[in-house]
Every structure is written in C-alpha cells, then in structure tokens.
Amino acid sequence: MFNSRSIPTELWAQARERLIFFFSRRLGLQNAEDLAHNTLLAIWTRKDFEFAQEEDFFRVVHGFARKILQEGYRNDIRNEGMLELDPDLETEVFGVRGLRGAEASTFLEEVRRHGQEKLKTEEWALIEAAANRDEDDQPVTGQIRTKVHRIRKKLAEITGWKKSEV
C-alpha cells in the first residue's frame, strides 16, 4: 500500500506538470503553478490516503485539483468585485416576436388591457403578482406556478398571440 509519503519523487513531478496543464487551461497560466503547488501541498499534508496502486495517486490528485479549482473560481469572483453600471446607460427596448420599440410597448399595453378586462380578478392578480416579484420574495409553490402558466396560455389565446389548436 502506498500513501502520500511513499509516492516516488518522479510521480510527484509528473503530477505537478499535469496540474499546471490542468489549471492553465481553466484559470490561466499566471495562477496555474501556484494552484498546482497548493494542490500538492494539500495532498502531502494528508496522511490518511492509501493507494492500492501508484496510478491511483493521479486520480486523487485530480480530485483535489477540482476542489482547489472551485476555490480559485470563488477567489477570482471575490477579487474582481462587482461591476458598477453606468447610470447614463440607455435601456434597450427588446423586440417581441418581430415588434420593435413603440410597437412592442403598444402591443404589451393592449395585452394588459385585455387581461384586465377579460380575465377574472383573481387570475389577473396572480399575473400581476408574478410580474412584480422581487428577489426578496418567498418562492412560489408549484400549484401557483401552474395556475399562472395556465392563465398566461389563456391570455395568449385571448390576445391572438398564440393560435389555439382546434
């Protein structure tokens, strides 16, 4: 049985080269060598791993490398910080199935008017609640999501957005 202390030096060197290749393809060359050394150090400090064959060593190295890679991604995200948006940035008006700009706004206003007129009050309230949700709101139940989906299909048929299949 092998453990991290009895692995031959040449296998450690091969593992180092493989790790540098692994990390350079994922996080860039500037961090690859440091992450490879962190991975090998993490394995070296663990005395409880035993390998039946020398080839199992590379599997364990790869497992440790994946965890170190995740930590590297987290550190990159923390170090980069958040991007601030330019307050003078104009909002882009997205098209709605071929409609652009004012046409899309007019269409959506018409859909809203039809929804308020032709749907039941509780159905329209569910649609508005779904449209005005914040990230701080509690998750909705599957039953409510199903109701909203059915109401949206009904609204699509009323407005002619989607032809009903008869």
C-alpha atoms as a PDB file:
ATOM      1  CA  MET A   1       0.000   0.000   0.000  1.00  0.00           C
ATOM      2  CA  PHE A   2       1.146   3.493  -0.862  1.00  0.00           C
ATOM      3  CA  ASN A   3       0.399   6.727   0.943  1.00  0.00           C
ATOM      4  CA  SER A   4       1.334  10.316   0.135  1.00  0.00           C
ATOM      5  CA  ARG A   5       4.724   9.934   1.865  1.00  0.00           C
ATOM      6  CA  SER A   6       5.744   6.809  -0.048  1.00  0.00           C
ATOM      7  CA  ILE A   7       4.957   8.038  -3.572  1.00  0.00           C
ATOM      8  CA  PRO A   8       8.162   8.260  -5.675  1.00  0.00           C
ATOM      9  CA  THR A   9       9.530  11.721  -6.497  1.00  0.00           C
ATOM     10  CA  GLU A  10       9.067  11.258 -10.236  1.00  0.00           C
ATOM     11  CA  LEU A  11       5.307  10.739  -9.737  1.00  0.00           C
ATOM     12  CA  TRP A  12       5.151  13.988  -7.760  1.00  0.00           C
ATOM     13  CA  ALA A  13       6.916  15.736 -10.647  1.00  0.00           C
ATOM     14  CA  GLN A  14       4.508  14.217 -13.194  1.00  0.00           C
ATOM     15  CA  ALA A  15       1.566  15.250 -11.034  1.00  0.00           C
ATOM     16  CA  ARG A  16       2.932  18.800 -10.852  1.00  0.00           C
ATOM     17  CA  GLU A  17       3.207  19.019 -14.650  1.00  0.00           C
ATOM     18  CA  ARG A  18      -0.289  17.618 -15.131  1.00  0.00           C
ATOM     19  CA  LEU A  19      -1.695  20.061 -12.575  1.00  0.00           C
ATOM     20  CA  ILE A  20      -0.051  23.054 -14.227  1.00  0.00           C
ATOM     21  CA  PHE A  21      -1.594  21.974 -17.529  1.00  0.00           C
ATOM     22  CA  PHE A  22      -4.981  21.416 -15.835  1.00  0.00           C
ATOM     23  CA  PHE A  23      -5.083  24.826 -14.142  1.00  0.00           C
ATOM     24  CA  SER A  24      -3.614  26.772 -17.066  1.00  0.00           C
ATOM     25  CA  ARG A  25      -6.499  25.639 -19.277  1.00  0.00           C
ATOM     26  CA  ARG A  26      -9.083  26.742 -16.730  1.00  0.00           C
ATOM     27  CA  LEU A  27      -7.808  29.788 -14.860  1.00  0.00           C
ATOM     28  CA  GLY A  28      -4.919  30.992 -16.972  1.00  0.00           C
ATOM     29  CA  LEU A  29      -1.192  30.481 -16.852  1.00  0.00           C
ATOM     30  CA  GLN A  30      -0.462  33.149 -14.224  1.00  0.00           C
ATOM     31  CA  ASN A  31      -2.139  31.172 -11.413  1.00  0.00           C
ATOM     32  CA  ALA A  32      -1.511  27.632 -12.642  1.00  0.00           C
ATOM     33  CA  GLU A  33       1.762  26.941 -10.879  1.00  0.00           C
ATOM     34  CA  ASP A  34       0.578  28.359  -7.548  1.00  0.00           C
ATOM     35  CA  LEU A  35      -2.615  26.293  -7.677  1.00  0.00           C
ATOM     36  CA  ALA A  36      -0.646  23.173  -8.613  1.00  0.00           C
ATOM     37  CA  HIS A  37       1.611  23.667  -5.596  1.00  0.00           C
ATOM     38  CA  ASN A  38      -1.408  24.275  -3.336  1.00  0.00           C
ATOM     39  CA  THR A  39      -2.927  21.017  -4.562  1.00  0.00           C
ATOM     40  CA  LEU A  40       0.245  19.010  -3.985  1.00  0.00           C
ATOM     41  CA  LEU A  41       0.661  20.574  -0.549  1.00  0.00           C
ATOM     42  CA  ALA A  42      -2.904  19.615   0.369  1.00  0.00           C
ATOM     43  CA  ILE A  43      -2.189  16.005  -0.604  1.00  0.00           C
ATOM     44  CA  TRP A  44       1.195  15.960   1.139  1.00  0.00           C
ATOM     45  CA  THR A  45      -0.289  17.132   4.446  1.00  0.00           C
ATOM     46  CA  ARG A  46      -2.935  14.394   4.400  1.00  0.00           C
ATOM     47  CA  LYS A  47      -1.544  11.180   5.849  1.00  0.00           C
ATOM     48  CA  ASP A  48      -4.766   9.188   5.728  1.00  0.00           C
ATOM     49  CA  PHE A  49      -4.845   8.437   1.983  1.00  0.00           C
ATOM     50  CA  GLU A  50      -3.655   4.997   0.939  1.00  0.00           C
ATOM     51  CA  PHE A  51      -3.305   3.925  -2.662  1.00  0.00           C
ATOM     52  CA  ALA A  52      -3.537   0.352  -3.873  1.00  0.00           C
ATOM     53  CA  GLN A  53      -1.504   1.234  -6.961  1.00  0.00           C
ATOM     54  CA  GLU A  54       0.655   4.162  -7.943  1.00  0.00           C
ATOM     55  CA  GLU A  55      -1.831   5.078 -10.702  1.00  0.00           C
ATOM     56  CA  ASP A  56      -4.499   5.789  -8.068  1.00  0.00           C
ATOM     57  CA  PHE A  57      -2.338   8.685  -6.923  1.00  0.00           C
ATOM     58  CA  PHE A  58      -3.194  10.637 -10.085  1.00  0.00           C
ATOM     59  CA  ARG A  59      -6.929  10.113  -9.509  1.00  0.00           C
ATOM     60  CA  VAL A  60      -6.644  11.541  -6.018  1.00  0.00           C
ATOM     61  CA  VAL A  61      -4.548  14.436  -7.327  1.00  0.00           C
ATOM     62  CA  HIS A  62      -7.248  15.210  -9.883  1.00  0.00           C
ATOM     63  CA  GLY A  63      -9.949  15.119  -7.189  1.00  0.00           C
ATOM     64  CA  PHE A  64      -8.007  17.572  -5.047  1.00  0.00           C
ATOM     65  CA  ALA A  65      -7.342  19.748  -8.095  1.00  0.00           C
ATOM     66  CA  ARG A  66     -11.064  20.064  -8.813  1.00  0.00           C
ATOM     67  CA  LYS A  67     -11.683  21.306  -5.267  1.00  0.00           C
ATOM     68  CA  ILE A  68      -8.767  23.758  -5.471  1.00  0.00           C
ATOM     69  CA  LEU A  69     -10.128  24.933  -8.835  1.00  0.00           C
ATOM     70  CA  GLN A  70     -13.530  25.670  -7.281  1.00  0.00           C
ATOM     71  CA  GLU A  71     -11.794  27.653  -4.556  1.00  0.00           C
ATOM     72  CA  GLY A  72      -9.836  29.509  -7.242  1.00  0.00           C
ATOM     73  CA  TYR A  73     -13.046  30.435  -9.051  1.00  0.00           C
ATOM     74  CA  ARG A  74     -14.522  31.740  -5.802  1.00  0.00           C
ATOM     75  CA  ASN A  75     -11.411  33.814  -5.099  1.00  0.00           C
ATOM     76  CA  ASP A  76     -11.447  35.279  -8.619  1.00  0.00           C
ATOM     77  CA  ILE A  77     -15.061  36.322  -8.199  1.00  0.00           C
ATOM     78  CA  ARG A  78     -14.347  37.917  -4.815  1.00  0.00           C
ATOM     79  CA  ASN A  79     -11.234  39.707  -6.068  1.00  0.00           C
ATOM     80  CA  GLU A  80     -12.849  41.107  -9.178  1.00  0.00           C
ATOM     81  CA  GLY A  81     -15.678  42.647  -7.197  1.00  0.00           C
ATOM     82  CA  MET A  82     -18.896  43.813  -8.654  1.00  0.00           C
ATOM     83  CA  LEU A  83     -19.139  45.874 -11.802  1.00  0.00           C
ATOM     84  CA  GLU A  84     -20.925  49.178 -11.478  1.00  0.00           C
ATOM     85  CA  LEU A  85     -23.361  50.068 -14.189  1.00  0.00           C
ATOM     86  CA  ASP A  86     -23.229  53.440 -15.856  1.00  0.00           C
ATOM     87  CA  PRO A  87     -26.328  55.402 -14.769  1.00  0.00           C
ATOM     88  CA  ASP A  88     -26.389  57.174 -18.142  1.00  0.00           C
ATOM     89  CA  LEU A  89     -26.737  53.879 -19.966  1.00  0.00           C
ATOM     90  CA  GLU A  90     -29.892  53.839 -22.025  1.00  0.00           C
ATOM     91  CA  THR A  91     -32.186  50.874 -21.613  1.00  0.00           C
ATOM     92  CA  GLU A  92     -32.550  48.721 -24.659  1.00  0.00           C
ATOM     93  CA  VAL A  93     -36.091  48.077 -25.842  1.00  0.00           C
ATOM     94  CA  PHE A  94     -36.299  44.444 -26.806  1.00  0.00           C
ATOM     95  CA  GLY A  95     -38.454  43.244 -29.650  1.00  0.00           C
ATOM     96  CA  VAL A  96     -41.439  40.996 -29.125  1.00  0.00           C
ATOM     97  CA  ARG A  97     -41.717  38.481 -31.961  1.00  0.00           C
ATOM     98  CA  GLY A  98     -40.930  40.941 -34.705  1.00  0.00           C
ATOM     99  CA  LEU A  99     -42.275  44.044 -32.954  1.00  0.00           C
ATOM    100  CA  ARG A 100     -39.771  46.795 -32.223  1.00  0.00           C
ATOM    101  CA  GLY A 101     -39.730  49.843 -29.957  1.00  0.00           C
ATOM    102  CA  ALA A 102     -43.105  51.593 -29.819  1.00  0.00           C
ATOM    103  CA  GLU A 103     -44.874  48.656 -31.479  1.00  0.00           C
ATOM    104  CA  ALA A 104     -43.804  46.353 -28.643  1.00  0.00           C
ATOM    105  CA  SER A 105     -44.932  48.856 -25.994  1.00  0.00           C
ATOM    106  CA  THR A 106     -48.299  49.294 -27.707  1.00  0.00           C
ATOM    107  CA  PHE A 107     -48.773  45.544 -28.000  1.00  0.00           C
ATOM    108  CA  LEU A 108     -47.929  44.964 -24.346  1.00  0.00           C
ATOM    109  CA  GLU A 109     -50.315  47.726 -23.269  1.00  0.00           C
ATOM    110  CA  GLU A 110     -53.033  46.069 -25.350  1.00  0.00           C
ATOM    111  CA  VAL A 111     -52.298  42.692 -23.741  1.00  0.00           C
ATOM    112  CA  ARG A 112     -52.530  44.339 -20.323  1.00  0.00           C
ATOM    113  CA  ARG A 113     -55.880  45.954 -21.172  1.00  0.00           C
ATOM    114  CA  HIS A 114     -57.306  42.665 -22.491  1.00  0.00           C
ATOM    115  CA  GLY A 115     -56.047  40.853 -19.416  1.00  0.00           C
ATOM    116  CA  GLN A 116     -57.726  43.265 -17.040  1.00  0.00           C
ATOM    117  CA  GLU A 117     -60.995  43.175 -18.993  1.00  0.00           C
ATOM    118  CA  LYS A 118     -61.347  39.516 -19.910  1.00  0.00           C
ATOM    119  CA  LEU A 119     -59.655  37.613 -17.092  1.00  0.00           C
ATOM    120  CA  LYS A 120     -61.160  37.047 -13.677  1.00  0.00           C
ATOM    121  CA  THR A 121     -59.959  39.410 -10.946  1.00  0.00           C
ATOM    122  CA  GLU A 122     -58.057  36.697  -9.061  1.00  0.00           C
ATOM    123  CA  GLU A 123     -56.422  35.491 -12.296  1.00  0.00           C
ATOM    124  CA  TRP A 124     -55.225  38.997 -13.156  1.00  0.00           C
ATOM    125  CA  ALA A 125     -53.970  39.452  -9.580  1.00  0.00           C
ATOM    126  CA  LEU A 126     -51.843  36.291  -9.943  1.00  0.00           C
ATOM    127  CA  ILE A 127     -50.381  37.560 -13.232  1.00  0.00           C
ATOM    128  CA  GLU A 128     -49.504  40.935 -11.683  1.00  0.00           C
ATOM    129  CA  ALA A 129     -48.005  39.271  -8.599  1.00  0.00           C
ATOM    130  CA  ALA A 130     -45.813  37.080 -10.805  1.00  0.00           C
ATOM    131  CA  ALA A 131     -44.703  40.056 -12.902  1.00  0.00           C
ATOM    132  CA  ASN A 132     -43.863  42.243  -9.903  1.00  0.00           C
ATOM    133  CA  ARG A 133     -41.849  39.710  -7.876  1.00  0.00           C
ATOM    134  CA  ASP A 134     -38.604  40.778  -6.211  1.00  0.00           C
ATOM    135  CA  GLU A 135     -35.593  38.673  -5.360  1.00  0.00           C
ATOM    136  CA  ASP A 136     -36.517  39.084  -1.675  1.00  0.00           C
ATOM    137  CA  ASP A 137     -39.918  37.404  -2.134  1.00  0.00           C
ATOM    138  CA  GLN A 138     -40.530  33.879  -0.928  1.00  0.00           C
ATOM    139  CA  PRO A 139     -40.522  31.171  -3.611  1.00  0.00           C
ATOM    140  CA  VAL A 140     -43.911  30.412  -5.106  1.00  0.00           C
ATOM    141  CA  THR A 141     -45.418  26.978  -4.863  1.00  0.00           C
ATOM    142  CA  GLY A 142     -45.743  24.649  -7.805  1.00  0.00           C
ATOM    143  CA  GLN A 143     -49.509  24.982  -7.657  1.00  0.00           C
ATOM    144  CA  ILE A 144     -49.325  28.759  -8.112  1.00  0.00           C
ATOM    145  CA  ARG A 145     -46.772  28.433 -10.923  1.00  0.00           C
ATOM    146  CA  THR A 146     -49.114  26.007 -12.689  1.00  0.00           C
ATOM    147  CA  LYS A 147     -52.053  28.405 -12.302  1.00  0.00           C
ATOM    148  CA  VAL A 148     -50.005  31.315 -13.665  1.00  0.00           C
ATOM    149  CA  HIS A 149     -48.885  29.189 -16.621  1.00  0.00           C
ATOM    150  CA  ARG A 150     -52.468  28.263 -17.477  1.00  0.00           C
ATOM    151  CA  ILE A 151     -53.618  31.860 -17.123  1.00  0.00           C
ATOM    152  CA  ARG A 152     -50.808  33.035 -19.414  1.00  0.00           C
ATOM    153  CA  LYS A 153     -51.847  30.460 -22.032  1.00  0.00           C
ATOM    154  CA  LYS A 154     -55.432  31.693 -21.736  1.00  0.00           C
ATOM    155  CA  LEU A 155     -54.291  35.309 -22.123  1.00  0.00           C
ATOM    156  CA  ALA A 156     -52.216  34.362 -25.167  1.00  0.00           C
ATOM    157  CA  GLU A 157     -55.295  32.868 -26.829  1.00  0.00           C
ATOM    158  CA  ILE A 158     -57.419  35.918 -25.967  1.00  0.00           C
ATOM    159  CA  THR A 159     -54.915  38.363 -27.448  1.00  0.00           C
ATOM    160  CA  GLY A 160     -54.154  36.242 -30.507  1.00  0.00           C
ATOM    161  CA  TRP A 161     -50.528  35.889 -29.516  1.00  0.00           C
ATOM    162  CA  LYS A 162     -50.824  32.152 -29.885  1.00  0.00           C
ATOM    163  CA  LYS A 163     -53.418  30.493 -32.062  1.00  0.00           C
ATOM    164  CA  SER A 164     -55.450  27.839 -30.324  1.00  0.00           C
ATOM    165  CA  GLU A 165     -55.249  24.420 -31.870  1.00  0.00           C
ATOM    166  CA  VAL A 166     -58.799  23.261 -32.564  1.00  0.00           C
END
